[in-house]
Amino acid sequence: MKTIQRYFRVQRKNIAFIKFILEAYDGMAVMRTLESHEGVIELMIAPDFEREVTEILDNLRDEFEVQPIDPPTDIKEL
């Protein structure tokens, strides 16, 4: 399945929380940590759920910083 990739910087302490929230919405998005020390995460979003994931992230921004970033140049493909 083709996914939409989005990249964010968050505080390290919030990485697991974000992952748990997204996993609760089964099949909507998958998150992976690209750089744990820097708090860089990648979201692989199912195309039909981009709006919903954006809404979830907007709601999380009320609790802590979720900063969109450009795709890192040194991403290793799985």
PDB file of N, CA and C in Angstrom:
ATOM      1  N   MET A   1       0.839  -1.170   0.000  1.00  0.00           N
ATOM      2  CA  MET A   1       0.000   0.000   0.000  1.00  0.00           C
ATOM      3  C   MET A   1       0.891   1.242   0.000  1.00  0.00           C
ATOM      4  N   LYS A   2       0.545   2.202  -0.778  1.00  0.00           N
ATOM      5  CA  LYS A   2       1.242   3.478  -0.823  1.00  0.00           C
ATOM      6  C   LYS A   2       0.832   4.297   0.401  1.00  0.00           C
ATOM      7  N   THR A   3       1.806   4.884   1.083  1.00  0.00           N
ATOM      8  CA  THR A   3       1.503   5.698   2.252  1.00  0.00           C
ATOM      9  C   THR A   3       2.025   7.117   2.061  1.00  0.00           C
ATOM     10  N   ILE A   4       1.550   7.990   2.914  1.00  0.00           N
ATOM     11  CA  ILE A   4       1.995   9.377   2.931  1.00  0.00           C
ATOM     12  C   ILE A   4       2.948   9.513   4.112  1.00  0.00           C
ATOM     13  N   GLN A   5       4.161   9.965   3.853  1.00  0.00           N
ATOM     14  CA  GLN A   5       5.142  10.125   4.920  1.00  0.00           C
ATOM     15  C   GLN A   5       5.148  11.564   5.414  1.00  0.00           C
ATOM     16  N   ARG A   6       5.128  11.699   6.733  1.00  0.00           N
ATOM     17  CA  ARG A   6       5.238  13.003   7.384  1.00  0.00           C
ATOM     18  C   ARG A   6       6.271  12.854   8.501  1.00  0.00           C
ATOM     19  N   TYR A   7       7.018  13.921   8.750  1.00  0.00           N
ATOM     20  CA  TYR A   7       8.110  13.892   9.717  1.00  0.00           C
ATOM     21  C   TYR A   7       7.905  14.984  10.756  1.00  0.00           C
ATOM     22  N   PHE A   8       8.248  14.649  12.008  1.00  0.00           N
ATOM     23  CA  PHE A   8       8.026  15.572  13.113  1.00  0.00           C
ATOM     24  C   PHE A   8       9.164  15.479  14.120  1.00  0.00           C
ATOM     25  N   ARG A   9       9.332  16.566  14.860  1.00  0.00           N
ATOM     26  CA  ARG A   9      10.244  16.574  15.987  1.00  0.00           C
ATOM     27  C   ARG A   9       9.381  16.759  17.242  1.00  0.00           C
ATOM     28  N   VAL A  10       9.602  15.883  18.209  1.00  0.00           N
ATOM     29  CA  VAL A  10       8.867  15.924  19.471  1.00  0.00           C
ATOM     30  C   VAL A  10       9.868  15.718  20.601  1.00  0.00           C
ATOM     31  N   GLN A  11       9.436  15.983  21.817  1.00  0.00           N
ATOM     32  CA  GLN A  11      10.292  15.678  22.957  1.00  0.00           C
ATOM     33  C   GLN A  11      10.381  14.167  23.107  1.00  0.00           C
ATOM     34  N   ARG A  12      11.571  13.693  23.446  1.00  0.00           N
ATOM     35  CA  ARG A  12      11.797  12.248  23.576  1.00  0.00           C
ATOM     36  C   ARG A  12      10.770  11.584  24.486  1.00  0.00           C
ATOM     37  N   LYS A  13      10.421  12.253  25.563  1.00  0.00           N
ATOM     38  CA  LYS A  13       9.504  11.651  26.536  1.00  0.00           C
ATOM     39  C   LYS A  13       8.107  11.425  25.964  1.00  0.00           C
ATOM     40  N   ASN A  14       7.774  12.046  24.830  1.00  0.00           N
ATOM     41  CA  ASN A  14       6.441  11.914  24.234  1.00  0.00           C
ATOM     42  C   ASN A  14       6.371  10.903  23.095  1.00  0.00           C
ATOM     43  N   ILE A  15       7.500  10.339  22.693  1.00  0.00           N
ATOM     44  CA  ILE A  15       7.523   9.423  21.545  1.00  0.00           C
ATOM     45  C   ILE A  15       6.615   8.216  21.773  1.00  0.00           C
ATOM     46  N   ALA A  16       6.750   7.550  22.905  1.00  0.00           N
ATOM     47  CA  ALA A  16       5.937   6.355  23.166  1.00  0.00           C
ATOM     48  C   ALA A  16       4.455   6.707  23.253  1.00  0.00           C
ATOM     49  N   PHE A  17       4.133   7.829  23.872  1.00  0.00           N
ATOM     50  CA  PHE A  17       2.738   8.241  23.996  1.00  0.00           C
ATOM     51  C   PHE A  17       2.102   8.435  22.620  1.00  0.00           C
ATOM     52  N   ILE A  18       2.814   9.126  21.727  1.00  0.00           N
ATOM     53  CA  ILE A  18       2.294   9.347  20.373  1.00  0.00           C
ATOM     54  C   ILE A  18       2.084   8.012  19.670  1.00  0.00           C
ATOM     55  N   LYS A  19       3.052   7.120  19.806  1.00  0.00           N
ATOM     56  CA  LYS A  19       2.939   5.801  19.178  1.00  0.00           C
ATOM     57  C   LYS A  19       1.703   5.050  19.688  1.00  0.00           C
ATOM     58  N   PHE A  20       1.486   5.072  21.000  1.00  0.00           N
ATOM     59  CA  PHE A  20       0.328   4.381  21.572  1.00  0.00           C
ATOM     60  C   PHE A  20      -0.980   4.988  21.075  1.00  0.00           C
ATOM     61  N   ILE A  21      -1.046   6.297  20.990  1.00  0.00           N
ATOM     62  CA  ILE A  21      -2.261   6.954  20.500  1.00  0.00           C
ATOM     63  C   ILE A  21      -2.548   6.528  19.061  1.00  0.00           C
ATOM     64  N   LEU A  22      -1.530   6.568  18.203  1.00  0.00           N
ATOM     65  CA  LEU A  22      -1.736   6.200  16.801  1.00  0.00           C
ATOM     66  C   LEU A  22      -2.083   4.722  16.640  1.00  0.00           C
ATOM     67  N   GLU A  23      -1.483   3.863  17.459  1.00  0.00           N
ATOM     68  CA  GLU A  23      -1.795   2.431  17.379  1.00  0.00           C
ATOM     69  C   GLU A  23      -3.232   2.143  17.800  1.00  0.00           C
ATOM     70  N   ALA A  24      -3.802   3.006  18.619  1.00  0.00           N
ATOM     71  CA  ALA A  24      -5.196   2.818  19.048  1.00  0.00           C
ATOM     72  C   ALA A  24      -6.156   2.957  17.863  1.00  0.00           C
ATOM     73  N   TYR A  25      -5.738   3.705  16.852  1.00  0.00           N
ATOM     74  CA  TYR A  25      -6.522   3.865  15.632  1.00  0.00           C
ATOM     75  C   TYR A  25      -5.979   2.888  14.597  1.00  0.00           C
ATOM     76  N   ASP A  26      -6.303   1.638  14.756  1.00  0.00           N
ATOM     77  CA  ASP A  26      -5.754   0.541  13.963  1.00  0.00           C
ATOM     78  C   ASP A  26      -5.848   0.797  12.462  1.00  0.00           C
ATOM     79  N   GLY A  27      -4.708   0.715  11.791  1.00  0.00           N
ATOM     80  CA  GLY A  27      -4.674   0.825  10.341  1.00  0.00           C
ATOM     81  C   GLY A  27      -4.624   2.234   9.791  1.00  0.00           C
ATOM     82  N   MET A  28      -4.620   3.226  10.667  1.00  0.00           N
ATOM     83  CA  MET A  28      -4.636   4.613  10.214  1.00  0.00           C
ATOM     84  C   MET A  28      -3.229   5.114   9.871  1.00  0.00           C
ATOM     85  N   ALA A  29      -2.270   4.798  10.736  1.00  0.00           N
ATOM     86  CA  ALA A  29      -0.900   5.262  10.529  1.00  0.00           C
ATOM     87  C   ALA A  29       0.057   4.381  11.321  1.00  0.00           C
ATOM     88  N   VAL A  30       1.285   4.353  10.858  1.00  0.00           N
ATOM     89  CA  VAL A  30       2.357   3.646  11.549  1.00  0.00           C
ATOM     90  C   VAL A  30       3.433   4.681  11.844  1.00  0.00           C
ATOM     91  N   MET A  31       3.991   4.606  13.034  1.00  0.00           N
ATOM     92  CA  MET A  31       5.035   5.540  13.414  1.00  0.00           C
ATOM     93  C   MET A  31       6.337   4.800  13.627  1.00  0.00           C
ATOM     94  N   ARG A  32       7.434   5.417  13.211  1.00  0.00           N
ATOM     95  CA  ARG A  32       8.742   4.880  13.570  1.00  0.00           C
ATOM     96  C   ARG A  32       9.622   6.039  14.021  1.00  0.00           C
ATOM     97  N   THR A  33      10.511   5.715  14.931  1.00  0.00           N
ATOM     98  CA  THR A  33      11.449   6.701  15.450  1.00  0.00           C
ATOM     99  C   THR A  33      12.695   6.663  14.580  1.00  0.00           C
ATOM    100  N   LEU A  34      13.045   7.804  14.014  1.00  0.00           N
ATOM    101  CA  LEU A  34      14.221   7.881  13.164  1.00  0.00           C
ATOM    102  C   LEU A  34      15.461   8.264  13.965  1.00  0.00           C
ATOM    103  N   GLU A  35      15.279   9.129  14.947  1.00  0.00           N
ATOM    104  CA  GLU A  35      16.390   9.579  15.789  1.00  0.00           C
ATOM    105  C   GLU A  35      15.844   9.861  17.186  1.00  0.00           C
ATOM    106  N   SER A  36      16.018   8.901  18.076  1.00  0.00           N
ATOM    107  CA  SER A  36      15.404   9.034  19.408  1.00  0.00           C
ATOM    108  C   SER A  36      15.991  10.187  20.208  1.00  0.00           C
ATOM    109  N   HIS A  37      17.278  10.429  20.113  1.00  0.00           N
ATOM    110  CA  HIS A  37      17.892  11.509  20.884  1.00  0.00           C
ATOM    111  C   HIS A  37      17.402  12.885  20.452  1.00  0.00           C
ATOM    112  N   GLU A  38      17.079  13.009  19.190  1.00  0.00           N
ATOM    113  CA  GLU A  38      16.585  14.276  18.656  1.00  0.00           C
ATOM    114  C   GLU A  38      15.055  14.341  18.635  1.00  0.00           C
ATOM    115  N   GLY A  39      14.392  13.229  18.899  1.00  0.00           N
ATOM    116  CA  GLY A  39      12.935  13.197  18.887  1.00  0.00           C
ATOM    117  C   GLY A  39      12.337  13.266  17.491  1.00  0.00           C
ATOM    118  N   VAL A  40      13.043  12.715  16.503  1.00  0.00           N
ATOM    119  CA  VAL A  40      12.562  12.754  15.119  1.00  0.00           C
ATOM    120  C   VAL A  40      11.770  11.476  14.836  1.00  0.00           C
ATOM    121  N   ILE A  41      10.528  11.664  14.426  1.00  0.00           N
ATOM    122  CA  ILE A  41       9.656  10.531  14.110  1.00  0.00           C
ATOM    123  C   ILE A  41       9.137  10.656  12.678  1.00  0.00           C
ATOM    124  N   GLU A  42       8.780   9.514  12.125  1.00  0.00           N
ATOM    125  CA  GLU A  42       8.158   9.459  10.805  1.00  0.00           C
ATOM    126  C   GLU A  42       6.791   8.818  10.965  1.00  0.00           C
ATOM    127  N   LEU A  43       5.798   9.419  10.345  1.00  0.00           N
ATOM    128  CA  LEU A  43       4.470   8.817  10.291  1.00  0.00           C
ATOM    129  C   LEU A  43       4.225   8.359   8.868  1.00  0.00           C
ATOM    130  N   MET A  44       3.812   7.112   8.732  1.00  0.00           N
ATOM    131  CA  MET A  44       3.424   6.561   7.443  1.00  0.00           C
ATOM    132  C   MET A  44       1.903   6.419   7.497  1.00  0.00           C
ATOM    133  N   ILE A  45       1.231   7.296   6.788  1.00  0.00           N
ATOM    134  CA  ILE A  45      -0.215   7.469   6.919  1.00  0.00           C
ATOM    135  C   ILE A  45      -0.932   6.836   5.736  1.00  0.00           C
ATOM    136  N   ALA A  46      -1.961   6.058   6.035  1.00  0.00           N
ATOM    137  CA  ALA A  46      -2.810   5.525   4.974  1.00  0.00           C
ATOM    138  C   ALA A  46      -3.504   6.705   4.288  1.00  0.00           C
ATOM    139  N   PRO A  47      -3.488   6.746   2.956  1.00  0.00           N
ATOM    140  CA  PRO A  47      -4.001   7.919   2.226  1.00  0.00           C
ATOM    141  C   PRO A  47      -5.407   8.361   2.622  1.00  0.00           C
ATOM    142  N   ASP A  48      -6.290   7.437   2.921  1.00  0.00           N
ATOM    143  CA  ASP A  48      -7.661   7.794   3.270  1.00  0.00           C
ATOM    144  C   ASP A  48      -7.783   8.401   4.662  1.00  0.00           C
ATOM    145  N   PHE A  49      -6.703   8.404   5.444  1.00  0.00           N
ATOM    146  CA  PHE A  49      -6.770   8.866   6.830  1.00  0.00           C
ATOM    147  C   PHE A  49      -5.897  10.084   7.119  1.00  0.00           C
ATOM    148  N   GLU A  50      -5.427  10.753   6.086  1.00  0.00           N
ATOM    149  CA  GLU A  50      -4.544  11.906   6.309  1.00  0.00           C
ATOM    150  C   GLU A  50      -5.236  12.992   7.146  1.00  0.00           C
ATOM    151  N   ARG A  51      -6.482  13.281   6.864  1.00  0.00           N
ATOM    152  CA  ARG A  51      -7.219  14.306   7.614  1.00  0.00           C
ATOM    153  C   ARG A  51      -7.357  13.928   9.076  1.00  0.00           C
ATOM    154  N   GLU A  52      -7.689  12.665   9.348  1.00  0.00           N
ATOM    155  CA  GLU A  52      -7.861  12.215  10.720  1.00  0.00           C
ATOM    156  C   GLU A  52      -6.553  12.278  11.510  1.00  0.00           C
ATOM    157  N   VAL A  53      -5.453  11.877  10.876  1.00  0.00           N
ATOM    158  CA  VAL A  53      -4.155  11.936  11.554  1.00  0.00           C
ATOM    159  C   VAL A  53      -3.788  13.386  11.843  1.00  0.00           C
ATOM    160  N   THR A  54      -4.058  14.276  10.916  1.00  0.00           N
ATOM    161  CA  THR A  54      -3.805  15.698  11.143  1.00  0.00           C
ATOM    162  C   THR A  54      -4.601  16.206  12.337  1.00  0.00           C
ATOM    163  N   GLU A  55      -5.850  15.785  12.457  1.00  0.00           N
ATOM    164  CA  GLU A  55      -6.683  16.188  13.589  1.00  0.00           C
ATOM    165  C   GLU A  55      -6.124  15.647  14.906  1.00  0.00           C
ATOM    166  N   ILE A  56      -5.671  14.410  14.902  1.00  0.00           N
ATOM    167  CA  ILE A  56      -5.078  13.824  16.107  1.00  0.00           C
ATOM    168  C   ILE A  56      -3.846  14.622  16.518  1.00  0.00           C
ATOM    169  N   LEU A  57      -2.986  14.927  15.563  1.00  0.00           N
ATOM    170  CA  LEU A  57      -1.774  15.691  15.870  1.00  0.00           C
ATOM    171  C   LEU A  57      -2.111  17.098  16.356  1.00  0.00           C
ATOM    172  N   ASP A  58      -3.116  17.713  15.766  1.00  0.00           N
ATOM    173  CA  ASP A  58      -3.543  19.037  16.229  1.00  0.00           C
ATOM    174  C   ASP A  58      -4.005  18.979  17.680  1.00  0.00           C
ATOM    175  N   ASN A  59      -4.723  17.932  18.039  1.00  0.00           N
ATOM    176  CA  ASN A  59      -5.166  17.776  19.428  1.00  0.00           C
ATOM    177  C   ASN A  59      -3.993  17.524  20.365  1.00  0.00           C
ATOM    178  N   LEU A  60      -3.010  16.764  19.913  1.00  0.00           N
ATOM    179  CA  LEU A  60      -1.833  16.517  20.744  1.00  0.00           C
ATOM    180  C   LEU A  60      -1.035  17.796  20.965  1.00  0.00           C
ATOM    181  N   ARG A  61      -1.065  18.696  20.011  1.00  0.00           N
ATOM    182  CA  ARG A  61      -0.345  19.974  20.138  1.00  0.00           C
ATOM    183  C   ARG A  61      -0.890  20.817  21.289  1.00  0.00           C
ATOM    184  N   ASP A  62      -2.115  20.535  21.718  1.00  0.00           N
ATOM    185  CA  ASP A  62      -2.651  21.222  22.899  1.00  0.00           C
ATOM    186  C   ASP A  62      -1.924  20.780  24.164  1.00  0.00           C
ATOM    187  N   GLU A  63      -1.305  19.595  24.120  1.00  0.00           N
ATOM    188  CA  GLU A  63      -0.627  19.032  25.293  1.00  0.00           C
ATOM    189  C   GLU A  63       0.886  19.231  25.261  1.00  0.00           C
ATOM    190  N   PHE A  64       1.490  19.149  24.067  1.00  0.00           N
ATOM    191  CA  PHE A  64       2.943  19.286  23.932  1.00  0.00           C
ATOM    192  C   PHE A  64       3.293  19.628  22.488  1.00  0.00           C
ATOM    193  N   GLU A  65       4.550  19.984  22.273  1.00  0.00           N
ATOM    194  CA  GLU A  65       4.992  20.420  20.944  1.00  0.00           C
ATOM    195  C   GLU A  65       5.142  19.236  19.991  1.00  0.00           C
ATOM    196  N   VAL A  66       4.554  19.377  18.821  1.00  0.00           N
ATOM    197  CA  VAL A  66       4.707  18.439  17.705  1.00  0.00           C
ATOM    198  C   VAL A  66       5.059  19.307  16.506  1.00  0.00           C
ATOM    199  N   GLN A  67       6.343  19.358  16.184  1.00  0.00           N
ATOM    200  CA  GLN A  67       6.842  20.268  15.163  1.00  0.00           C
ATOM    201  C   GLN A  67       7.072  19.547  13.839  1.00  0.00           C
ATOM    202  N   PRO A  68       6.337  19.923  12.782  1.00  0.00           N
ATOM    203  CA  PRO A  68       6.596  19.327  11.463  1.00  0.00           C
ATOM    204  C   PRO A  68       7.996  19.722  10.997  1.00  0.00           C
ATOM    205  N   ILE A  69       8.678  18.779  10.354  1.00  0.00           N
ATOM    206  CA  ILE A  69      10.010  19.048   9.813  1.00  0.00           C
ATOM    207  C   ILE A  69      10.091  18.497   8.401  1.00  0.00           C
ATOM    208  N   ASP A  70      11.105  18.941   7.677  1.00  0.00           N
ATOM    209  CA  ASP A  70      11.373  18.392   6.352  1.00  0.00           C
ATOM    210  C   ASP A  70      11.901  16.965   6.493  1.00  0.00           C
ATOM    211  N   PRO A  71      11.723  16.149   5.471  1.00  0.00           N
ATOM    212  CA  PRO A  71      12.260  14.785   5.538  1.00  0.00           C
ATOM    213  C   PRO A  71      13.771  14.806   5.786  1.00  0.00           C
ATOM    214  N   PRO A  72      14.243  14.057   6.765  1.00  0.00           N
ATOM    215  CA  PRO A  72      15.689  13.971   6.995  1.00  0.00           C
ATOM    216  C   PRO A  72      16.381  13.414   5.754  1.00  0.00           C
ATOM    217  N   THR A  73      17.575  13.864   5.490  1.00  0.00           N
ATOM    218  CA  THR A  73      18.296  13.449   4.290  1.00  0.00           C
ATOM    219  C   THR A  73      18.989  12.100   4.462  1.00  0.00           C
ATOM    220  N   ASP A  74      19.113  11.631   5.684  1.00  0.00           N
ATOM    221  CA  ASP A  74      19.854  10.391   5.942  1.00  0.00           C
ATOM    222  C   ASP A  74      18.947   9.242   6.362  1.00  0.00           C
ATOM    223  N   ILE A  75      17.725   9.190   5.839  1.00  0.00           N
ATOM    224  CA  ILE A  75      16.787   8.126   6.189  1.00  0.00           C
ATOM    225  C   ILE A  75      17.255   6.811   5.594  1.00  0.00           C
ATOM    226  N   LYS A  76      17.234   5.783   6.432  1.00  0.00           N
ATOM    227  CA  LYS A  76      17.538   4.437   5.967  1.00  0.00           C
ATOM    228  C   LYS A  76      16.223   3.725   5.685  1.00  0.00           C
ATOM    229  N   GLU A  77      16.074   3.191   4.507  1.00  0.00           N
ATOM    230  CA  GLU A  77      14.858   2.466   4.150  1.00  0.00           C
ATOM    231  C   GLU A  77      14.820   1.123   4.857  1.00  0.00           C
ATOM    232  N   LEU A  78      13.626   0.718   5.231  1.00  0.00           N
ATOM    233  CA  LEU A  78      13.466  -0.594   5.879  1.00  0.00           C
ATOM    234  C   LEU A  78      13.486  -1.692   4.852  1.00  0.00           C
TER     235      LEU A  78
END
